[in-house]
PDB file of all heavy atoms in Angstrom:
ATOM      1  N   ALA A   1       0.831  -1.205   0.000  1.00  0.00           N
ATOM      2  CA  ALA A   1       0.000   0.000   0.000  1.00  0.00           C
ATOM      3  C   ALA A   1       0.864   1.253   0.000  1.00  0.00           C
ATOM      4  O   ALA A   1       0.567   2.237  -0.700  1.00  0.00           O
ATOM      5  CB  ALA A   1      -0.928  -0.006   1.218  1.00  0.00           C
ATOM      6  N   LEU A   2       1.955   1.235   0.765  1.00  0.00           N
ATOM      7  CA  LEU A   2       2.857   2.391   0.799  1.00  0.00           C
ATOM      8  C   LEU A   2       3.551   2.600  -0.537  1.00  0.00           C
ATOM      9  O   LEU A   2       3.757   3.747  -0.962  1.00  0.00           O
ATOM     10  CB  LEU A   2       3.899   2.216   1.906  1.00  0.00           C
ATOM     11  CG  LEU A   2       3.410   2.444   3.339  1.00  0.00           C
ATOM     12  CD1 LEU A   2       4.502   2.093   4.335  1.00  0.00           C
ATOM     13  CD2 LEU A   2       2.969   3.897   3.535  1.00  0.00           C
ATOM     14  N   LEU A   3       3.920   1.521  -1.200  1.00  0.00           N
ATOM     15  CA  LEU A   3       4.573   1.635  -2.503  1.00  0.00           C
ATOM     16  C   LEU A   3       3.642   2.297  -3.515  1.00  0.00           C
ATOM     17  O   LEU A   3       4.046   3.213  -4.251  1.00  0.00           O
ATOM     18  CB  LEU A   3       5.013   0.266  -2.999  1.00  0.00           C
ATOM     19  CG  LEU A   3       5.730   0.232  -4.349  1.00  0.00           C
ATOM     20  CD1 LEU A   3       7.010   1.058  -4.298  1.00  0.00           C
ATOM     21  CD2 LEU A   3       6.036  -1.204  -4.755  1.00  0.00           C
ATOM     22  N   VAL A   4       2.391   1.859  -3.547  1.00  0.00           N
ATOM     23  CA  VAL A   4       1.412   2.459  -4.457  1.00  0.00           C
ATOM     24  C   VAL A   4       1.206   3.931  -4.110  1.00  0.00           C
ATOM     25  O   VAL A   4       1.176   4.800  -4.997  1.00  0.00           O
ATOM     26  CB  VAL A   4       0.079   1.692  -4.395  1.00  0.00           C
ATOM     27  CG1 VAL A   4      -1.005   2.431  -5.179  1.00  0.00           C
ATOM     28  CG2 VAL A   4       0.254   0.276  -4.933  1.00  0.00           C
ATOM     29  N   LEU A   5       1.066   4.221  -2.819  1.00  0.00           N
ATOM     30  CA  LEU A   5       0.856   5.605  -2.386  1.00  0.00           C
ATOM     31  C   LEU A   5       2.035   6.481  -2.787  1.00  0.00           C
ATOM     32  O   LEU A   5       1.855   7.602  -3.296  1.00  0.00           O
ATOM     33  CB  LEU A   5       0.667   5.639  -0.870  1.00  0.00           C
ATOM     34  CG  LEU A   5       0.393   7.014  -0.253  1.00  0.00           C
ATOM     35  CD1 LEU A   5      -0.964   7.553  -0.697  1.00  0.00           C
ATOM     36  CD2 LEU A   5       0.448   6.932   1.279  1.00  0.00           C
ATOM     37  N   ALA A   6       3.261   5.993  -2.583  1.00  0.00           N
ATOM     38  CA  ALA A   6       4.445   6.777  -2.908  1.00  0.00           C
ATOM     39  C   ALA A   6       4.533   7.049  -4.408  1.00  0.00           C
ATOM     40  O   ALA A   6       4.885   8.159  -4.831  1.00  0.00           O
ATOM     41  CB  ALA A   6       5.700   6.062  -2.413  1.00  0.00           C
ATOM     42  N   VAL A   7       4.229   6.045  -5.230  1.00  0.00           N
ATOM     43  CA  VAL A   7       4.251   6.249  -6.680  1.00  0.00           C
ATOM     44  C   VAL A   7       3.248   7.331  -7.076  1.00  0.00           C
ATOM     45  O   VAL A   7       3.544   8.214  -7.895  1.00  0.00           O
ATOM     46  CB  VAL A   7       3.947   4.924  -7.413  1.00  0.00           C
ATOM     47  CG1 VAL A   7       3.694   5.180  -8.891  1.00  0.00           C
ATOM     48  CG2 VAL A   7       5.102   3.946  -7.238  1.00  0.00           C
ATOM     49  N   LEU A   8       2.059   7.291  -6.482  1.00  0.00           N
ATOM     50  CA  LEU A   8       1.044   8.301  -6.789  1.00  0.00           C
ATOM     51  C   LEU A   8       1.512   9.699  -6.397  1.00  0.00           C
ATOM     52  O   LEU A   8       1.231  10.682  -7.100  1.00  0.00           O
ATOM     53  CB  LEU A   8      -0.261   7.968  -6.063  1.00  0.00           C
ATOM     54  CG  LEU A   8      -1.009   6.720  -6.555  1.00  0.00           C
ATOM     55  CD1 LEU A   8      -2.209   6.431  -5.652  1.00  0.00           C
ATOM     56  CD2 LEU A   8      -1.465   6.897  -7.994  1.00  0.00           C
ATOM     57  N   PHE A   9       2.232   9.805  -5.299  1.00  0.00           N
ATOM     58  CA  PHE A   9       2.695  11.119  -4.832  1.00  0.00           C
ATOM     59  C   PHE A   9       3.906  11.621  -5.616  1.00  0.00           C
ATOM     60  O   PHE A   9       4.047  12.827  -5.818  1.00  0.00           O
ATOM     61  CB  PHE A   9       3.042  11.062  -3.341  1.00  0.00           C
ATOM     62  CG  PHE A   9       1.912  11.479  -2.444  1.00  0.00           C
ATOM     63  CD1 PHE A   9       1.085  10.541  -1.864  1.00  0.00           C
ATOM     64  CD2 PHE A   9       1.659  12.820  -2.190  1.00  0.00           C
ATOM     65  CE1 PHE A   9       0.041  10.911  -1.039  1.00  0.00           C
ATOM     66  CE2 PHE A   9       0.617  13.214  -1.379  1.00  0.00           C
ATOM     67  CZ  PHE A   9      -0.201  12.252  -0.799  1.00  0.00           C
ATOM     68  N   PHE A  10       4.777  10.728  -6.065  1.00  0.00           N
ATOM     69  CA  PHE A  10       6.046  11.169  -6.642  1.00  0.00           C
ATOM     70  C   PHE A  10       6.042  11.256  -8.166  1.00  0.00           C
ATOM     71  O   PHE A  10       6.879  11.953  -8.738  1.00  0.00           O
ATOM     72  CB  PHE A  10       7.182  10.231  -6.205  1.00  0.00           C
ATOM     73  CG  PHE A  10       7.377  10.159  -4.718  1.00  0.00           C
ATOM     74  CD1 PHE A  10       7.831   8.996  -4.113  1.00  0.00           C
ATOM     75  CD2 PHE A  10       7.088  11.255  -3.918  1.00  0.00           C
ATOM     76  CE1 PHE A  10       8.010   8.923  -2.741  1.00  0.00           C
ATOM     77  CE2 PHE A  10       7.254  11.183  -2.535  1.00  0.00           C
ATOM     78  CZ  PHE A  10       7.717  10.021  -1.952  1.00  0.00           C
ATOM     79  N   LEU A  11       5.135  10.575  -8.823  1.00  0.00           N
ATOM     80  CA  LEU A  11       5.190  10.502 -10.278  1.00  0.00           C
ATOM     81  C   LEU A  11       4.714  11.758 -11.005  1.00  0.00           C
ATOM     82  O   LEU A  11       5.323  12.149 -12.006  1.00  0.00           O
ATOM     83  CB  LEU A  11       4.394   9.290 -10.763  1.00  0.00           C
ATOM     84  CG  LEU A  11       4.734   8.774 -12.163  1.00  0.00           C
ATOM     85  CD1 LEU A  11       6.219   8.439 -12.274  1.00  0.00           C
ATOM     86  CD2 LEU A  11       3.874   7.554 -12.502  1.00  0.00           C
ATOM     87  N   PRO A  12       3.642  12.444 -10.571  1.00  0.00           N
ATOM     88  CA  PRO A  12       3.165  13.612 -11.328  1.00  0.00           C
ATOM     89  C   PRO A  12       4.258  14.668 -11.512  1.00  0.00           C
ATOM     90  O   PRO A  12       4.948  15.041 -10.562  1.00  0.00           O
ATOM     91  CB  PRO A  12       2.019  14.156 -10.473  1.00  0.00           C
ATOM     92  CG  PRO A  12       1.511  12.966  -9.725  1.00  0.00           C
ATOM     93  CD  PRO A  12       2.735  12.149  -9.431  1.00  0.00           C
ATOM     94  N   GLY A  13       4.407  15.133 -12.742  1.00  0.00           N
ATOM     95  CA  GLY A  13       5.378  16.178 -13.044  1.00  0.00           C
ATOM     96  C   GLY A  13       6.763  15.691 -13.372  1.00  0.00           C
ATOM     97  O   GLY A  13       7.610  16.488 -13.807  1.00  0.00           O
ATOM     98  N   LEU A  14       7.026  14.401 -13.203  1.00  0.00           N
ATOM     99  CA  LEU A  14       8.380  13.895 -13.421  1.00  0.00           C
ATOM    100  C   LEU A  14       8.885  14.216 -14.818  1.00  0.00           C
ATOM    101  O   LEU A  14      10.027  14.667 -14.993  1.00  0.00           O
ATOM    102  CB  LEU A  14       8.413  12.381 -13.185  1.00  0.00           C
ATOM    103  CG  LEU A  14       9.753  11.700 -13.480  1.00  0.00           C
ATOM    104  CD1 LEU A  14      10.810  12.127 -12.479  1.00  0.00           C
ATOM    105  CD2 LEU A  14       9.585  10.180 -13.477  1.00  0.00           C
ATOM    106  N   THR A  15       8.056  13.994 -15.820  1.00  0.00           N
ATOM    107  CA  THR A  15       8.477  14.214 -17.201  1.00  0.00           C
ATOM    108  C   THR A  15       8.067  15.576 -17.740  1.00  0.00           C
ATOM    109  O   THR A  15       8.601  16.015 -18.757  1.00  0.00           O
ATOM    110  CB  THR A  15       7.890  13.130 -18.110  1.00  0.00           C
ATOM    111  OG1 THR A  15       6.456  13.183 -18.046  1.00  0.00           O
ATOM    112  CG2 THR A  15       8.339  11.742 -17.664  1.00  0.00           C
ATOM    113  N   GLN A  16       7.118  16.258 -17.074  1.00  0.00           N
ATOM    114  CA  GLN A  16       6.604  17.516 -17.619  1.00  0.00           C
ATOM    115  C   GLN A  16       7.436  18.738 -17.221  1.00  0.00           C
ATOM    116  O   GLN A  16       7.519  19.704 -17.982  1.00  0.00           O
ATOM    117  CB  GLN A  16       5.153  17.756 -17.159  1.00  0.00           C
ATOM    118  CG  GLN A  16       4.164  16.697 -17.643  1.00  0.00           C
ATOM    119  CD  GLN A  16       3.861  15.691 -16.545  1.00  0.00           C
ATOM    120  OE1 GLN A  16       4.769  15.189 -15.902  1.00  0.00           O
ATOM    121  NE2 GLN A  16       2.588  15.430 -16.335  1.00  0.00           N
ATOM    122  N   VAL A  17       8.007  18.725 -16.030  1.00  0.00           N
ATOM    123  CA  VAL A  17       8.693  19.915 -15.510  1.00  0.00           C
ATOM    124  C   VAL A  17      10.126  19.956 -16.044  1.00  0.00           C
ATOM    125  O   VAL A  17      10.887  18.989 -15.880  1.00  0.00           O
ATOM    126  CB  VAL A  17       8.692  19.925 -13.977  1.00  0.00           C
ATOM    127  CG1 VAL A  17       9.486  21.115 -13.440  1.00  0.00           C
ATOM    128  CG2 VAL A  17       7.253  19.980 -13.449  1.00  0.00           C
ATOM    129  N   PRO A  18      10.546  21.061 -16.688  1.00  0.00           N
ATOM    130  CA  PRO A  18      11.926  21.176 -17.202  1.00  0.00           C
ATOM    131  C   PRO A  18      12.948  21.211 -16.071  1.00  0.00           C
ATOM    132  O   PRO A  18      12.585  21.278 -14.887  1.00  0.00           O
ATOM    133  CB  PRO A  18      11.891  22.516 -17.966  1.00  0.00           C
ATOM    134  CG  PRO A  18      10.446  22.807 -18.206  1.00  0.00           C
ATOM    135  CD  PRO A  18       9.711  22.220 -17.050  1.00  0.00           C
ATOM    136  N   PRO A  19      14.237  21.178 -16.413  1.00  0.00           N
ATOM    137  CA  PRO A  19      15.275  21.256 -15.377  1.00  0.00           C
ATOM    138  C   PRO A  19      15.122  22.509 -14.527  1.00  0.00           C
ATOM    139  O   PRO A  19      14.914  23.609 -15.038  1.00  0.00           O
ATOM    140  CB  PRO A  19      16.581  21.304 -16.189  1.00  0.00           C
ATOM    141  CG  PRO A  19      16.236  20.701 -17.501  1.00  0.00           C
ATOM    142  CD  PRO A  19      14.808  21.048 -17.764  1.00  0.00           C
ATOM    143  N   LEU A  20      15.237  22.324 -13.229  1.00  0.00           N
ATOM    144  CA  LEU A  20      15.056  23.426 -12.277  1.00  0.00           C
ATOM    145  C   LEU A  20      16.415  23.946 -11.828  1.00  0.00           C
ATOM    146  O   LEU A  20      17.180  23.234 -11.174  1.00  0.00           O
ATOM    147  CB  LEU A  20      14.251  22.951 -11.063  1.00  0.00           C
ATOM    148  CG  LEU A  20      12.735  22.900 -11.255  1.00  0.00           C
ATOM    149  CD1 LEU A  20      12.089  22.025 -10.189  1.00  0.00           C
ATOM    150  CD2 LEU A  20      12.143  24.299 -11.194  1.00  0.00           C
ATOM    151  N   ASP A  21      16.712  25.186 -12.194  1.00  0.00           N
ATOM    152  CA  ASP A  21      17.990  25.774 -11.808  1.00  0.00           C
ATOM    153  C   ASP A  21      18.056  26.016 -10.299  1.00  0.00           C
ATOM    154  O   ASP A  21      17.060  26.308  -9.670  1.00  0.00           O
ATOM    155  CB  ASP A  21      18.170  27.111 -12.538  1.00  0.00           C
ATOM    156  CG  ASP A  21      18.607  26.928 -13.988  1.00  0.00           C
ATOM    157  OD1 ASP A  21      19.562  26.178 -14.215  1.00  0.00           O
ATOM    158  OD2 ASP A  21      17.969  27.517 -14.872  1.00  0.00           O
ATOM    159  N   ARG A  22      19.290  25.957  -9.731  1.00  0.00           N
ATOM    160  CA  ARG A  22      20.495  25.703 -10.496  1.00  0.00           C
ATOM    161  C   ARG A  22      21.120  24.337 -10.171  1.00  0.00           C
ATOM    162  O   ARG A  22      21.847  23.780 -10.971  1.00  0.00           O
ATOM    163  CB  ARG A  22      21.553  26.798 -10.187  1.00  0.00           C
ATOM    164  CG  ARG A  22      21.209  28.150 -10.781  1.00  0.00           C
ATOM    165  CD  ARG A  22      22.326  29.166 -10.524  1.00  0.00           C
ATOM    166  NE  ARG A  22      22.125  30.407 -11.237  1.00  0.00           N
ATOM    167  CZ  ARG A  22      22.032  31.584 -10.621  1.00  0.00           C
ATOM    168  NH1 ARG A  22      22.131  31.647  -9.294  1.00  0.00           N
ATOM    169  NH2 ARG A  22      21.844  32.677 -11.326  1.00  0.00           N
ATOM    170  N   ASP A  23      20.857  23.809  -9.002  1.00  0.00           N
ATOM    171  CA  ASP A  23      21.563  22.595  -8.586  1.00  0.00           C
ATOM    172  C   ASP A  23      21.233  21.392  -9.466  1.00  0.00           C
ATOM    173  O   ASP A  23      22.133  20.635  -9.845  1.00  0.00           O
ATOM    174  CB  ASP A  23      21.249  22.279  -7.124  1.00  0.00           C
ATOM    175  CG  ASP A  23      22.172  23.004  -6.167  1.00  0.00           C
ATOM    176  OD1 ASP A  23      23.102  23.664  -6.652  1.00  0.00           O
ATOM    177  OD2 ASP A  23      21.962  22.916  -4.951  1.00  0.00           O
ATOM    178  N   GLU A  24      19.956  21.193  -9.774  1.00  0.00           N
ATOM    179  CA  GLU A  24      19.590  19.993 -10.528  1.00  0.00           C
ATOM    180  C   GLU A  24      20.341  19.879 -11.854  1.00  0.00           C
ATOM    181  O   GLU A  24      20.965  18.838 -12.124  1.00  0.00           O
ATOM    182  CB  GLU A  24      18.084  19.937 -10.769  1.00  0.00           C
ATOM    183  CG  GLU A  24      17.713  18.682 -11.557  1.00  0.00           C
ATOM    184  CD  GLU A  24      16.256  18.617 -11.945  1.00  0.00           C
ATOM    185  OE1 GLU A  24      15.678  19.665 -12.299  1.00  0.00           O
ATOM    186  OE2 GLU A  24      15.696  17.504 -11.899  1.00  0.00           O
ATOM    187  N   PRO A  25      20.320  20.897 -12.721  1.00  0.00           N
ATOM    188  CA  PRO A  25      21.043  20.734 -13.983  1.00  0.00           C
ATOM    189  C   PRO A  25      22.556  20.652 -13.812  1.00  0.00           C
ATOM    190  O   PRO A  25      23.245  20.093 -14.687  1.00  0.00           O
ATOM    191  CB  PRO A  25      20.631  21.966 -14.795  1.00  0.00           C
ATOM    192  CG  PRO A  25      20.126  22.948 -13.806  1.00  0.00           C
ATOM    193  CD  PRO A  25      19.544  22.148 -12.688  1.00  0.00           C
ATOM    194  N   ARG A  26      23.088  21.185 -12.736  1.00  0.00           N
ATOM    195  CA  ARG A  26      24.530  21.004 -12.492  1.00  0.00           C
ATOM    196  C   ARG A  26      24.848  19.531 -12.269  1.00  0.00           C
ATOM    197  O   ARG A  26      25.814  18.993 -12.826  1.00  0.00           O
ATOM    198  CB  ARG A  26      24.969  21.832 -11.284  1.00  0.00           C
ATOM    199  CG  ARG A  26      25.065  23.329 -11.549  1.00  0.00           C
ATOM    200  CD  ARG A  26      25.277  24.084 -10.260  1.00  0.00           C
ATOM    201  NE  ARG A  26      25.465  25.512 -10.481  1.00  0.00           N
ATOM    202  CZ  ARG A  26      25.330  26.436  -9.528  1.00  0.00           C
ATOM    203  NH1 ARG A  26      25.016  26.076  -8.290  1.00  0.00           N
ATOM    204  NH2 ARG A  26      25.519  27.709  -9.794  1.00  0.00           N
ATOM    205  N   PHE A  27      24.041  18.869 -11.428  1.00  0.00           N
ATOM    206  CA  PHE A  27      24.238  17.432 -11.213  1.00  0.00           C
ATOM    207  C   PHE A  27      24.031  16.666 -12.520  1.00  0.00           C
ATOM    208  O   PHE A  27      24.835  15.806 -12.887  1.00  0.00           O
ATOM    209  CB  PHE A  27      23.262  16.922 -10.151  1.00  0.00           C
ATOM    210  CG  PHE A  27      23.693  17.176  -8.743  1.00  0.00           C
ATOM    211  CD1 PHE A  27      23.169  18.227  -8.010  1.00  0.00           C
ATOM    212  CD2 PHE A  27      24.627  16.363  -8.131  1.00  0.00           C
ATOM    213  CE1 PHE A  27      23.551  18.467  -6.704  1.00  0.00           C
ATOM    214  CE2 PHE A  27      25.034  16.586  -6.820  1.00  0.00           C
ATOM    215  CZ  PHE A  27      24.495  17.648  -6.106  1.00  0.00           C
ATOM    216  N   ALA A  28      22.930  16.961 -13.218  1.00  0.00           N
ATOM    217  CA  ALA A  28      22.606  16.220 -14.437  1.00  0.00           C
ATOM    218  C   ALA A  28      23.656  16.436 -15.518  1.00  0.00           C
ATOM    219  O   ALA A  28      24.037  15.491 -16.230  1.00  0.00           O
ATOM    220  CB  ALA A  28      21.226  16.639 -14.939  1.00  0.00           C
ATOM    221  N   GLN A  29      24.138  17.660 -15.668  1.00  0.00           N
ATOM    222  CA  GLN A  29      25.144  17.944 -16.688  1.00  0.00           C
ATOM    223  C   GLN A  29      26.452  17.221 -16.390  1.00  0.00           C
ATOM    224  O   GLN A  29      27.100  16.683 -17.305  1.00  0.00           O
ATOM    225  CB  GLN A  29      25.393  19.447 -16.789  1.00  0.00           C
ATOM    226  CG  GLN A  29      26.482  19.864 -17.761  1.00  0.00           C
ATOM    227  CD  GLN A  29      26.184  19.454 -19.198  1.00  0.00           C
ATOM    228  OE1 GLN A  29      25.027  19.370 -19.591  1.00  0.00           O
ATOM    229  NE2 GLN A  29      27.221  19.193 -19.975  1.00  0.00           N
ATOM    230  N   ALA A  30      26.848  17.190 -15.119  1.00  0.00           N
ATOM    231  CA  ALA A  30      28.076  16.471 -14.762  1.00  0.00           C
ATOM    232  C   ALA A  30      27.931  14.977 -15.053  1.00  0.00           C
ATOM    233  O   ALA A  30      28.865  14.334 -15.547  1.00  0.00           O
ATOM    234  CB  ALA A  30      28.410  16.700 -13.297  1.00  0.00           C
ATOM    235  N   SER A  31      26.762  14.415 -14.766  1.00  0.00           N
ATOM    236  CA  SER A  31      26.524  13.005 -15.086  1.00  0.00           C
ATOM    237  C   SER A  31      26.511  12.794 -16.597  1.00  0.00           C
ATOM    238  O   SER A  31      27.022  11.782 -17.100  1.00  0.00           O
ATOM    239  CB  SER A  31      25.191  12.549 -14.478  1.00  0.00           C
ATOM    240  OG  SER A  31      25.195  12.686 -13.073  1.00  0.00           O
ATOM    241  N   LYS A  32      25.912  13.728 -17.301  1.00  0.00           N
ATOM    242  CA  LYS A  32      25.875  13.660 -18.765  1.00  0.00           C
ATOM    243  C   LYS A  32      27.294  13.612 -19.338  1.00  0.00           C
ATOM    244  O   LYS A  32      27.587  12.833 -20.261  1.00  0.00           O
ATOM    245  CB  LYS A  32      25.119  14.878 -19.299  1.00  0.00           C
ATOM    246  CG  LYS A  32      25.001  14.981 -20.794  1.00  0.00           C
ATOM    247  CD  LYS A  32      24.216  16.241 -21.160  1.00  0.00           C
ATOM    248  CE  LYS A  32      23.995  16.386 -22.634  1.00  0.00           C
ATOM    249  NZ  LYS A  32      23.187  17.594 -22.958  1.00  0.00           N
ATOM    250  N   GLN A  33      28.190  14.424 -18.778  1.00  0.00           N
ATOM    251  CA  GLN A  33      29.569  14.443 -19.277  1.00  0.00           C
ATOM    252  C   GLN A  33      30.314  13.158 -18.922  1.00  0.00           C
ATOM    253  O   GLN A  33      31.213  12.746 -19.656  1.00  0.00           O
ATOM    254  CB  GLN A  33      30.307  15.671 -18.732  1.00  0.00           C
ATOM    255  CG  GLN A  33      29.795  16.960 -19.347  1.00  0.00           C
ATOM    256  CD  GLN A  33      30.495  18.205 -18.845  1.00  0.00           C
ATOM    257  OE1 GLN A  33      29.862  19.235 -18.653  1.00  0.00           O
ATOM    258  NE2 GLN A  33      31.796  18.145 -18.645  1.00  0.00           N
ATOM    259  N   MET A  34      29.943  12.523 -17.807  1.00  0.00           N
ATOM    260  CA  MET A  34      30.533  11.217 -17.501  1.00  0.00           C
ATOM    261  C   MET A  34      30.187  10.217 -18.602  1.00  0.00           C
ATOM    262  O   MET A  34      31.030   9.442 -19.052  1.00  0.00           O
ATOM    263  CB  MET A  34      30.029  10.703 -16.150  1.00  0.00           C
ATOM    264  CG  MET A  34      30.711  11.298 -14.952  1.00  0.00           C
ATOM    265  SD  MET A  34      30.253  10.428 -13.439  1.00  0.00           S
ATOM    266  CE  MET A  34      31.416  11.178 -12.290  1.00  0.00           C
ATOM    267  N   VAL A  35      28.919  10.235 -19.017  1.00  0.00           N
ATOM    268  CA  VAL A  35      28.486   9.312 -20.066  1.00  0.00           C
ATOM    269  C   VAL A  35      29.182   9.647 -21.385  1.00  0.00           C
ATOM    270  O   VAL A  35      29.588   8.753 -22.135  1.00  0.00           O
ATOM    271  CB  VAL A  35      26.952   9.367 -20.224  1.00  0.00           C
ATOM    272  CG1 VAL A  35      26.489   8.498 -21.387  1.00  0.00           C
ATOM    273  CG2 VAL A  35      26.266   8.924 -18.927  1.00  0.00           C
ATOM    274  N   GLU A  36      29.327  10.935 -21.670  1.00  0.00           N
ATOM    275  CA  GLU A  36      29.955  11.356 -22.931  1.00  0.00           C
ATOM    276  C   GLU A  36      31.433  11.012 -22.973  1.00  0.00           C
ATOM    277  O   GLU A  36      31.947  10.540 -23.987  1.00  0.00           O
ATOM    278  CB  GLU A  36      29.772  12.866 -23.122  1.00  0.00           C
ATOM    279  CG  GLU A  36      28.342  13.294 -23.407  1.00  0.00           C
ATOM    280  CD  GLU A  36      28.180  14.795 -23.419  1.00  0.00           C
ATOM    281  OE1 GLU A  36      29.015  15.502 -22.797  1.00  0.00           O
ATOM    282  OE2 GLU A  36      27.207  15.282 -24.030  1.00  0.00           O
ATOM    283  N   THR A  37      32.137  11.259 -21.873  1.00  0.00           N
ATOM    284  CA  THR A  37      33.594  11.088 -21.864  1.00  0.00           C
ATOM    285  C   THR A  37      34.037   9.715 -21.393  1.00  0.00           C
ATOM    286  O   THR A  37      35.207   9.364 -21.559  1.00  0.00           O
ATOM    287  CB  THR A  37      34.240  12.147 -20.943  1.00  0.00           C
ATOM    288  OG1 THR A  37      33.800  11.919 -19.589  1.00  0.00           O
ATOM    289  CG2 THR A  37      33.852  13.554 -21.377  1.00  0.00           C
ATOM    290  N   ARG A  38      33.124   8.967 -20.735  1.00  0.00           N
ATOM    291  CA  ARG A  38      33.435   7.677 -20.117  1.00  0.00           C
ATOM    292  C   ARG A  38      34.445   7.815 -18.993  1.00  0.00           C
ATOM    293  O   ARG A  38      35.086   6.833 -18.591  1.00  0.00           O
ATOM    294  CB  ARG A  38      33.947   6.650 -21.150  1.00  0.00           C
ATOM    295  CG  ARG A  38      33.198   6.606 -22.478  1.00  0.00           C
ATOM    296  CD  ARG A  38      31.710   6.464 -22.317  1.00  0.00           C
ATOM    297  NE  ARG A  38      31.328   5.150 -21.813  1.00  0.00           N
ATOM    298  CZ  ARG A  38      30.069   4.795 -21.533  1.00  0.00           C
ATOM    299  NH1 ARG A  38      29.092   5.684 -21.691  1.00  0.00           N
ATOM    300  NH2 ARG A  38      29.782   3.604 -21.069  1.00  0.00           N
TER     301      ARG A  38
END
């Protein structure tokens, strides 16, 4: 029941909301460069 409840609470907006400045895209960009550069 908690798993279902948590999914309902956390899923909305996951794909709709763009990157939120500034910390989130800093983390994501650094990870992106790890994938690019290996």
